[in-house]
Structure formats: C-alpha cells, structure tokens
Amino acid sequence: MPAHQRAIAAHAQALDADAEALTGCAARLHALAARLRSDTATPPWLFDTLNAHITACVVASADLAEVATRLHVYADLLAEEER
C-alpha cells in the first residue's frame, strides 16, 4: 500500500473515531439532561444549552462520518489504480 493511500486511510479511521466520540458525547449530554429534568434547582435555560450542544454533536458526528466514508472510498479507488 503506497504511503499516500495509507495516510488517507489513517485519516478516515481517525475521523471515524472522532464521529463515534461525538456520538458518545451526545448520548452523555442527553442522559445528563434527563437526570436534571427532575431537579428543581436546574435553571430552565440549561436545557436549551444542552439541546444546542447535543444537536451540534449529532450534526458534527454525521459530517465526520460522511467525510470518513468518502475518504475510505477514495483510498479504495487508489488501491484499485495501483493494481
């Protein structure tokens, strides 16, 4: 496997890991929001903030996953060209 193809595949794998990390982050924020809903001391504005961060994590995760998929496809195409 040529060095540039290995580099592209490595970037794709890193982006896959980042997408998974953001998915986990969104899940943890969602669980936190659920726990805080029953706490009367929680300020109401916190839920808007948590929801905004959850949404940002979900969107970023999807974007990173899409880019990773495209890089995997590109690395595969380079491999085919090398044959």
Protein backbone atom coordinates (compact mmCIF):
# COMPACT_ATOMS: atom_id res chain seq x y z
CA MET A 1 0.00 0.00 0.00
CA PRO A 2 1.52 3.34 -1.04
CA ALA A 3 2.24 5.92 1.65
CA HIS A 4 -0.41 8.37 0.41
CA GLN A 5 -3.06 5.67 0.44
CA ARG A 6 -2.05 4.67 3.99
CA ALA A 7 -2.25 8.32 5.06
CA ILE A 8 -5.72 8.72 3.58
CA ALA A 9 -6.93 5.51 5.23
CA ALA A 10 -5.45 6.65 8.56
CA HIS A 11 -7.26 9.99 8.30
CA ALA A 12 -10.50 8.16 7.55
CA GLN A 13 -10.05 5.95 10.61
CA ALA A 14 -9.32 8.97 12.80
CA LEU A 15 -12.48 10.68 11.54
CA ASP A 16 -14.49 7.51 12.23
CA ALA A 17 -13.18 7.53 15.81
CA ASP A 18 -13.99 11.23 16.19
CA ALA A 19 -17.53 10.64 14.89
CA GLU A 20 -18.01 7.85 17.43
CA ALA A 21 -16.66 10.06 20.21
CA LEU A 22 -19.14 12.80 19.33
CA THR A 23 -21.99 10.28 19.26
CA GLY A 24 -20.98 9.24 22.77
CA CYS A 25 -20.80 12.85 23.86
CA ALA A 26 -24.33 13.48 22.59
CA ALA A 27 -25.58 10.41 24.48
CA ARG A 28 -23.93 11.56 27.72
CA LEU A 29 -25.36 15.06 27.37
CA HIS A 30 -28.80 13.59 26.70
CA ALA A 31 -28.54 11.42 29.84
CA LEU A 32 -27.43 14.45 31.86
CA ALA A 33 -30.41 16.47 30.62
CA ALA A 34 -32.76 13.62 31.55
CA ARG A 35 -31.32 13.44 35.08
CA LEU A 36 -31.52 17.21 35.56
CA ARG A 37 -35.16 17.46 34.45
CA SER A 38 -36.29 16.17 37.84
CA ASP A 39 -34.07 18.60 39.78
CA THR A 40 -35.99 21.76 40.64
CA ALA A 41 -32.73 23.66 41.15
CA THR A 42 -31.81 23.30 37.48
CA PRO A 43 -32.18 26.63 35.66
CA PRO A 44 -34.58 26.42 32.72
CA TRP A 45 -32.09 27.93 30.27
CA LEU A 46 -29.74 24.98 30.82
CA PHE A 47 -31.93 22.67 28.74
CA ASP A 48 -31.73 24.96 25.71
CA THR A 49 -27.96 24.99 26.07
CA LEU A 50 -27.76 21.22 26.48
CA ASN A 51 -30.03 20.67 23.48
CA ALA A 52 -27.89 23.00 21.37
CA HIS A 53 -24.76 21.06 22.31
CA ILE A 54 -26.47 17.72 21.68
CA THR A 55 -27.54 18.92 18.26
CA ALA A 56 -24.06 20.20 17.48
CA CYS A 57 -22.55 16.84 18.46
CA VAL A 58 -25.03 14.89 16.33
CA VAL A 59 -24.51 17.12 13.29
CA ALA A 60 -20.71 17.09 13.61
CA SER A 61 -20.71 13.33 14.07
CA ALA A 62 -22.73 12.84 10.89
CA ASP A 63 -20.48 15.21 8.96
CA LEU A 64 -17.32 13.45 10.14
CA ALA A 65 -18.78 10.03 9.35
CA GLU A 66 -19.65 11.19 5.83
CA VAL A 67 -16.16 12.53 5.21
CA ALA A 68 -14.63 9.33 6.61
CA THR A 69 -16.76 7.24 4.27
CA ARG A 70 -15.68 9.34 1.29
CA LEU A 71 -12.02 9.00 2.30
CA HIS A 72 -12.40 5.23 2.64
CA VAL A 73 -13.88 5.10 -0.86
CA TYR A 74 -11.05 7.28 -2.18
CA ALA A 75 -8.41 5.06 -0.55
CA ASP A 76 -10.06 2.01 -2.09
CA LEU A 77 -10.04 3.66 -5.52
CA LEU A 78 -6.33 4.41 -5.14
CA ALA A 79 -5.75 0.77 -4.23
CA GLU A 80 -7.55 -0.35 -7.37
CA GLU A 81 -5.48 2.02 -9.51
CA GLU A 82 -2.28 0.56 -8.04
CA ARG A 83 -3.24 -2.95 -9.18
